[in-house]
Amino acid sequence: MPLPTFHMIDAAPQPVATFSHASEVDGWVFLTGQMPTWPDAPGRPLPEGIEAQTRRVMDNLTIVLEGLGLGLRHVVQARVYLTQFERDYAPMNAVYQSYFADGKLPARTCIGVSGLAVGALVEIDMVARRP
């Protein structure tokens, strides 16, 4: 088995910890969880509310995918982490679903957590597969 390749995408947000934006092996691409931070202004306050934060996270994931020559259509699995699960689950789902074609949703797990980096309400990571 080949060694993994580690990717940093120039247009993506600056990491908030020590990680690559994605790692890849045998056509499988593992995207690090994205926060609702701004790619061009890391110090800018986070968007207000779960809907805006979910959009920013999905846009950040899209930036990483596009930087690798992929898109959301290549995503096979996602994990969502919410700090306010009961309150934010339904509105997060509505925004999340809007990013995918009808009937083309990846497998997904959604987990309630006690906290996330940078005070975020939501974080999402993904696994994609090259065609």
N, C-alpha and C. Protein backbone atom coordinates (compact mmCIF):
# COMPACT_ATOMS: atom_id res chain seq x y z
N MET A 1 0.85 -1.17 0.00
CA MET A 1 0.00 0.00 0.00
C MET A 1 0.90 1.24 0.00
N PRO A 2 0.58 2.22 -0.84
CA PRO A 2 1.39 3.45 -0.87
C PRO A 2 1.22 4.26 0.41
N LEU A 3 2.19 5.10 0.65
CA LEU A 3 2.10 6.02 1.78
C LEU A 3 1.07 7.11 1.49
N PRO A 4 0.44 7.66 2.51
CA PRO A 4 -0.53 8.73 2.27
C PRO A 4 0.14 10.01 1.77
N THR A 5 -0.65 10.80 1.06
CA THR A 5 -0.26 12.14 0.65
C THR A 5 -1.02 13.11 1.53
N PHE A 6 -0.34 14.16 1.97
CA PHE A 6 -0.95 15.14 2.85
C PHE A 6 -1.11 16.45 2.08
N HIS A 7 -2.32 17.00 2.10
CA HIS A 7 -2.65 18.17 1.30
C HIS A 7 -2.95 19.38 2.16
N MET A 8 -2.37 20.51 1.75
CA MET A 8 -2.75 21.81 2.29
C MET A 8 -3.26 22.63 1.11
N ILE A 9 -4.42 23.25 1.26
CA ILE A 9 -5.07 23.99 0.19
C ILE A 9 -4.92 25.48 0.49
N ASP A 10 -4.24 26.20 -0.39
CA ASP A 10 -3.95 27.61 -0.16
C ASP A 10 -5.20 28.46 0.09
N ALA A 11 -6.29 28.17 -0.63
CA ALA A 11 -7.50 28.98 -0.52
C ALA A 11 -8.34 28.64 0.71
N ALA A 12 -8.04 27.53 1.38
CA ALA A 12 -8.82 27.09 2.54
C ALA A 12 -8.44 27.87 3.79
N PRO A 13 -9.30 27.81 4.82
CA PRO A 13 -8.97 28.51 6.07
C PRO A 13 -7.66 28.01 6.67
N GLN A 14 -7.00 28.88 7.39
CA GLN A 14 -5.79 28.47 8.11
C GLN A 14 -6.18 27.46 9.19
N PRO A 15 -5.39 26.43 9.37
CA PRO A 15 -5.69 25.45 10.42
C PRO A 15 -5.74 26.10 11.80
N VAL A 16 -6.65 25.61 12.64
CA VAL A 16 -6.75 26.08 14.02
C VAL A 16 -5.97 25.16 14.96
N ALA A 17 -5.35 24.12 14.39
CA ALA A 17 -4.54 23.17 15.16
C ALA A 17 -3.49 22.59 14.21
N THR A 18 -2.81 21.54 14.62
CA THR A 18 -1.78 20.92 13.79
C THR A 18 -2.39 19.80 12.97
N PHE A 19 -2.68 20.09 11.71
CA PHE A 19 -3.25 19.09 10.80
C PHE A 19 -3.09 19.54 9.36
N SER A 20 -3.30 18.59 8.45
CA SER A 20 -3.41 18.89 7.02
C SER A 20 -4.88 19.07 6.71
N HIS A 21 -5.19 19.80 5.65
CA HIS A 21 -6.59 19.94 5.25
C HIS A 21 -7.17 18.60 4.83
N ALA A 22 -6.33 17.75 4.25
CA ALA A 22 -6.79 16.42 3.83
C ALA A 22 -5.59 15.49 3.73
N SER A 23 -5.86 14.22 3.88
CA SER A 23 -4.86 13.20 3.58
C SER A 23 -5.51 12.21 2.63
N GLU A 24 -4.67 11.57 1.81
CA GLU A 24 -5.20 10.73 0.74
C GLU A 24 -4.35 9.48 0.58
N VAL A 25 -5.03 8.36 0.38
CA VAL A 25 -4.35 7.11 0.09
C VAL A 25 -5.28 6.23 -0.75
N ASP A 26 -4.76 5.65 -1.80
CA ASP A 26 -5.51 4.74 -2.67
C ASP A 26 -6.83 5.33 -3.17
N GLY A 27 -6.85 6.62 -3.45
CA GLY A 27 -8.06 7.26 -3.96
C GLY A 27 -9.05 7.70 -2.90
N TRP A 28 -8.80 7.34 -1.65
CA TRP A 28 -9.65 7.77 -0.54
C TRP A 28 -9.09 9.08 0.01
N VAL A 29 -9.95 10.07 0.18
CA VAL A 29 -9.55 11.39 0.64
C VAL A 29 -10.28 11.68 1.95
N PHE A 30 -9.50 11.94 2.98
CA PHE A 30 -10.03 12.18 4.32
C PHE A 30 -9.86 13.66 4.64
N LEU A 31 -10.98 14.39 4.71
CA LEU A 31 -10.95 15.82 4.98
C LEU A 31 -11.03 16.08 6.47
N THR A 32 -10.11 16.89 6.96
CA THR A 32 -10.15 17.32 8.35
C THR A 32 -11.42 18.12 8.60
N GLY A 33 -11.98 17.99 9.78
CA GLY A 33 -13.16 18.77 10.13
C GLY A 33 -12.90 20.25 9.96
N GLN A 34 -13.84 20.92 9.33
CA GLN A 34 -13.73 22.36 9.12
C GLN A 34 -14.57 23.10 10.13
N MET A 35 -14.06 24.26 10.50
CA MET A 35 -14.73 25.15 11.43
C MET A 35 -15.38 26.28 10.62
N PRO A 36 -16.26 27.06 11.22
CA PRO A 36 -16.90 28.17 10.50
C PRO A 36 -16.03 29.43 10.49
N THR A 37 -14.75 29.24 10.20
CA THR A 37 -13.82 30.36 10.11
C THR A 37 -13.74 30.85 8.68
N TRP A 38 -13.27 32.06 8.51
CA TRP A 38 -13.21 32.72 7.20
C TRP A 38 -11.85 32.47 6.56
N PRO A 39 -11.82 31.96 5.33
CA PRO A 39 -10.54 31.67 4.68
C PRO A 39 -9.63 32.89 4.54
N ASP A 40 -10.21 34.04 4.28
CA ASP A 40 -9.41 35.24 4.01
C ASP A 40 -9.24 36.14 5.24
N ALA A 41 -9.85 35.77 6.35
CA ALA A 41 -9.78 36.61 7.56
C ALA A 41 -9.91 35.74 8.81
N PRO A 42 -8.84 35.02 9.17
CA PRO A 42 -8.93 34.07 10.28
C PRO A 42 -9.33 34.69 11.62
N GLY A 43 -9.06 35.98 11.81
CA GLY A 43 -9.41 36.64 13.06
C GLY A 43 -10.81 37.20 13.11
N ARG A 44 -11.51 37.15 11.97
CA ARG A 44 -12.88 37.69 11.89
C ARG A 44 -13.80 36.86 12.79
N PRO A 45 -14.74 37.49 13.47
CA PRO A 45 -15.68 36.74 14.31
C PRO A 45 -16.43 35.67 13.49
N LEU A 46 -16.77 34.59 14.16
CA LEU A 46 -17.54 33.53 13.51
C LEU A 46 -18.91 34.05 13.11
N PRO A 47 -19.50 33.46 12.07
CA PRO A 47 -20.87 33.83 11.71
C PRO A 47 -21.81 33.57 12.89
N GLU A 48 -22.88 34.33 12.95
CA GLU A 48 -23.87 34.20 14.03
C GLU A 48 -24.87 33.09 13.71
N GLY A 49 -25.08 32.17 14.63
CA GLY A 49 -26.14 31.17 14.51
C GLY A 49 -25.72 29.92 13.75
N ILE A 50 -26.47 28.86 13.98
CA ILE A 50 -26.13 27.56 13.41
C ILE A 50 -26.26 27.53 11.90
N GLU A 51 -27.26 28.20 11.33
CA GLU A 51 -27.42 28.18 9.87
C GLU A 51 -26.21 28.82 9.19
N ALA A 52 -25.81 29.99 9.64
CA ALA A 52 -24.68 30.69 9.04
C ALA A 52 -23.37 29.92 9.27
N GLN A 53 -23.22 29.34 10.45
CA GLN A 53 -22.01 28.57 10.71
C GLN A 53 -21.97 27.30 9.87
N THR A 54 -23.11 26.64 9.69
CA THR A 54 -23.14 25.44 8.85
C THR A 54 -22.80 25.79 7.41
N ARG A 55 -23.33 26.89 6.89
CA ARG A 55 -22.98 27.33 5.53
C ARG A 55 -21.49 27.59 5.39
N ARG A 56 -20.90 28.27 6.37
CA ARG A 56 -19.47 28.57 6.31
C ARG A 56 -18.64 27.28 6.33
N VAL A 57 -19.03 26.33 7.19
CA VAL A 57 -18.33 25.05 7.26
C VAL A 57 -18.44 24.31 5.93
N MET A 58 -19.64 24.24 5.37
CA MET A 58 -19.82 23.54 4.09
C MET A 58 -19.06 24.24 2.97
N ASP A 59 -19.03 25.56 2.98
CA ASP A 59 -18.27 26.30 1.98
C ASP A 59 -16.77 26.02 2.14
N ASN A 60 -16.30 25.94 3.38
CA ASN A 60 -14.89 25.63 3.62
C ASN A 60 -14.54 24.22 3.14
N LEU A 61 -15.41 23.26 3.39
CA LEU A 61 -15.18 21.90 2.91
C LEU A 61 -15.17 21.86 1.38
N THR A 62 -16.05 22.63 0.76
CA THR A 62 -16.09 22.70 -0.69
C THR A 62 -14.78 23.27 -1.24
N ILE A 63 -14.22 24.28 -0.58
CA ILE A 63 -12.94 24.84 -0.98
C ILE A 63 -11.85 23.77 -0.96
N VAL A 64 -11.82 22.97 0.10
CA VAL A 64 -10.82 21.91 0.20
C VAL A 64 -11.03 20.89 -0.91
N LEU A 65 -12.26 20.44 -1.09
CA LEU A 65 -12.55 19.46 -2.15
C LEU A 65 -12.14 20.00 -3.52
N GLU A 66 -12.54 21.23 -3.83
CA GLU A 66 -12.21 21.80 -5.13
C GLU A 66 -10.70 21.96 -5.31
N GLY A 67 -10.00 22.24 -4.22
CA GLY A 67 -8.54 22.33 -4.28
C GLY A 67 -7.89 21.00 -4.61
N LEU A 68 -8.63 19.92 -4.44
CA LEU A 68 -8.15 18.57 -4.75
C LEU A 68 -8.74 18.05 -6.05
N GLY A 69 -9.49 18.91 -6.76
CA GLY A 69 -10.11 18.48 -8.00
C GLY A 69 -11.35 17.62 -7.79
N LEU A 70 -11.98 17.77 -6.64
CA LEU A 70 -13.17 16.99 -6.29
C LEU A 70 -14.32 17.94 -5.97
N GLY A 71 -15.48 17.35 -5.68
CA GLY A 71 -16.64 18.12 -5.28
C GLY A 71 -17.46 17.33 -4.29
N LEU A 72 -18.56 17.91 -3.84
CA LEU A 72 -19.42 17.23 -2.86
C LEU A 72 -20.00 15.94 -3.42
N ARG A 73 -20.09 15.82 -4.74
CA ARG A 73 -20.61 14.59 -5.34
C ARG A 73 -19.68 13.40 -5.09
N HIS A 74 -18.43 13.66 -4.69
CA HIS A 74 -17.47 12.60 -4.41
C HIS A 74 -17.47 12.17 -2.94
N VAL A 75 -18.23 12.85 -2.10
CA VAL A 75 -18.24 12.56 -0.66
C VAL A 75 -19.08 11.31 -0.40
N VAL A 76 -18.49 10.38 0.34
CA VAL A 76 -19.20 9.13 0.67
C VAL A 76 -19.63 9.07 2.13
N GLN A 77 -19.02 9.90 2.97
CA GLN A 77 -19.35 9.85 4.40
C GLN A 77 -19.04 11.20 5.03
N ALA A 78 -19.84 11.60 6.00
CA ALA A 78 -19.61 12.84 6.75
C ALA A 78 -19.91 12.60 8.23
N ARG A 79 -19.22 13.36 9.05
CA ARG A 79 -19.50 13.37 10.49
C ARG A 79 -19.73 14.82 10.89
N VAL A 80 -20.81 15.04 11.62
CA VAL A 80 -21.18 16.38 12.07
C VAL A 80 -21.10 16.39 13.60
N TYR A 81 -20.52 17.45 14.13
CA TYR A 81 -20.40 17.62 15.57
C TYR A 81 -21.12 18.91 15.95
N LEU A 82 -22.05 18.82 16.91
CA LEU A 82 -22.85 19.96 17.33
C LEU A 82 -22.70 20.18 18.83
N THR A 83 -22.50 21.43 19.24
CA THR A 83 -22.41 21.72 20.67
C THR A 83 -23.78 21.89 21.33
N GLN A 84 -24.78 22.21 20.55
CA GLN A 84 -26.16 22.39 21.06
C GLN A 84 -27.07 21.46 20.24
N PHE A 85 -26.94 20.17 20.47
CA PHE A 85 -27.56 19.16 19.61
C PHE A 85 -29.07 19.36 19.46
N GLU A 86 -29.78 19.40 20.56
CA GLU A 86 -31.25 19.50 20.51
C GLU A 86 -31.71 20.75 19.78
N ARG A 87 -31.08 21.86 20.07
CA ARG A 87 -31.48 23.14 19.47
C ARG A 87 -31.11 23.22 17.99
N ASP A 88 -29.92 22.71 17.64
CA ASP A 88 -29.35 23.00 16.32
C ASP A 88 -29.48 21.88 15.30
N TYR A 89 -29.91 20.70 15.70
CA TYR A 89 -29.95 19.55 14.79
C TYR A 89 -30.81 19.83 13.55
N ALA A 90 -32.04 20.25 13.72
CA ALA A 90 -32.94 20.46 12.57
C ALA A 90 -32.46 21.60 11.67
N PRO A 91 -32.12 22.78 12.20
CA PRO A 91 -31.67 23.84 11.29
C PRO A 91 -30.35 23.49 10.60
N MET A 92 -29.44 22.79 11.28
CA MET A 92 -28.20 22.36 10.63
C MET A 92 -28.52 21.43 9.48
N ASN A 93 -29.44 20.48 9.71
CA ASN A 93 -29.81 19.52 8.66
C ASN A 93 -30.34 20.22 7.42
N ALA A 94 -31.15 21.23 7.59
CA ALA A 94 -31.74 21.93 6.44
C ALA A 94 -30.65 22.57 5.59
N VAL A 95 -29.68 23.21 6.23
CA VAL A 95 -28.58 23.83 5.48
C VAL A 95 -27.71 22.75 4.86
N TYR A 96 -27.31 21.76 5.62
CA TYR A 96 -26.45 20.67 5.14
C TYR A 96 -27.05 20.02 3.90
N GLN A 97 -28.32 19.65 3.97
CA GLN A 97 -28.97 18.95 2.86
C GLN A 97 -29.00 19.81 1.59
N SER A 98 -29.08 21.12 1.73
CA SER A 98 -29.17 22.00 0.57
C SER A 98 -27.91 21.97 -0.28
N TYR A 99 -26.82 21.47 0.23
CA TYR A 99 -25.56 21.40 -0.51
C TYR A 99 -25.46 20.17 -1.41
N PHE A 100 -26.36 19.23 -1.27
CA PHE A 100 -26.28 17.98 -2.02
C PHE A 100 -27.46 17.85 -2.98
N ALA A 101 -27.23 17.16 -4.08
CA ALA A 101 -28.30 16.88 -5.04
C ALA A 101 -29.33 15.97 -4.38
N ASP A 102 -30.58 16.10 -4.80
CA ASP A 102 -31.65 15.25 -4.27
C ASP A 102 -31.28 13.77 -4.40
N GLY A 103 -31.43 13.05 -3.30
CA GLY A 103 -31.17 11.62 -3.30
C GLY A 103 -29.70 11.24 -3.36
N LYS A 104 -28.80 12.21 -3.21
CA LYS A 104 -27.36 11.95 -3.30
C LYS A 104 -26.65 12.35 -2.00
N LEU A 105 -27.21 11.96 -0.89
CA LEU A 105 -26.64 12.29 0.41
C LEU A 105 -25.65 11.22 0.85
N PRO A 106 -24.47 11.63 1.33
CA PRO A 106 -23.52 10.64 1.83
C PRO A 106 -24.00 10.03 3.14
N ALA A 107 -23.41 8.90 3.49
CA ALA A 107 -23.64 8.33 4.82
C ALA A 107 -23.20 9.38 5.84
N ARG A 108 -23.85 9.40 7.01
CA ARG A 108 -23.53 10.46 7.96
C ARG A 108 -23.78 10.04 9.39
N THR A 109 -22.97 10.57 10.27
CA THR A 109 -23.16 10.46 11.71
C THR A 109 -23.20 11.88 12.26
N CYS A 110 -24.08 12.12 13.23
CA CYS A 110 -24.17 13.43 13.87
C CYS A 110 -24.04 13.21 15.38
N ILE A 111 -23.13 13.95 15.99
CA ILE A 111 -22.77 13.71 17.37
C ILE A 111 -22.88 15.02 18.17
N GLY A 112 -23.47 14.95 19.34
CA GLY A 112 -23.48 16.08 20.26
C GLY A 112 -22.19 16.08 21.07
N VAL A 113 -21.54 17.22 21.17
CA VAL A 113 -20.27 17.33 21.89
C VAL A 113 -20.34 18.49 22.89
N SER A 114 -19.44 18.48 23.86
CA SER A 114 -19.47 19.52 24.89
C SER A 114 -18.79 20.82 24.45
N GLY A 115 -17.96 20.76 23.42
CA GLY A 115 -17.31 21.98 22.96
C GLY A 115 -16.51 21.71 21.69
N LEU A 116 -16.25 22.78 20.93
CA LEU A 116 -15.46 22.72 19.72
C LEU A 116 -14.44 23.85 19.72
N ALA A 117 -13.39 23.71 18.94
CA ALA A 117 -12.36 24.74 18.82
C ALA A 117 -12.99 26.06 18.38
N VAL A 118 -12.39 27.13 18.72
CA VAL A 118 -12.75 28.52 18.40
C VAL A 118 -14.18 28.88 18.80
N GLY A 119 -14.80 28.11 19.71
CA GLY A 119 -16.15 28.40 20.16
C GLY A 119 -17.21 28.13 19.12
N ALA A 120 -16.91 27.29 18.13
CA ALA A 120 -17.86 26.99 17.05
C ALA A 120 -19.05 26.19 17.56
N LEU A 121 -20.17 26.34 16.86
CA LEU A 121 -21.37 25.55 17.15
C LEU A 121 -21.37 24.24 16.38
N VAL A 122 -20.62 24.18 15.25
CA VAL A 122 -20.64 23.02 14.37
C VAL A 122 -19.27 22.80 13.74
N GLU A 123 -18.93 21.54 13.55
CA GLU A 123 -17.75 21.12 12.80
C GLU A 123 -18.18 19.92 11.97
N ILE A 124 -17.66 19.83 10.75
CA ILE A 124 -17.99 18.70 9.88
C ILE A 124 -16.71 18.20 9.23
N ASP A 125 -16.52 16.88 9.25
CA ASP A 125 -15.44 16.26 8.48
C ASP A 125 -16.05 15.33 7.45
N MET A 126 -15.25 14.93 6.47
CA MET A 126 -15.77 14.13 5.36
C MET A 126 -14.74 13.14 4.86
N VAL A 127 -15.24 12.11 4.20
CA VAL A 127 -14.43 11.17 3.45
C VAL A 127 -14.96 11.18 2.02
N ALA A 128 -14.05 11.34 1.07
CA ALA A 128 -14.42 11.34 -0.34
C ALA A 128 -13.63 10.24 -1.06
N ARG A 129 -14.07 9.92 -2.25
CA ARG A 129 -13.39 8.90 -3.08
C ARG A 129 -13.19 9.45 -4.47
N ARG A 130 -11.97 9.35 -4.96
CA ARG A 130 -11.71 9.77 -6.35
C ARG A 130 -12.37 8.77 -7.31
N PRO A 131 -12.88 9.30 -8.44
CA PRO A 131 -13.48 8.38 -9.44
C PRO A 131 -12.42 7.50 -10.07
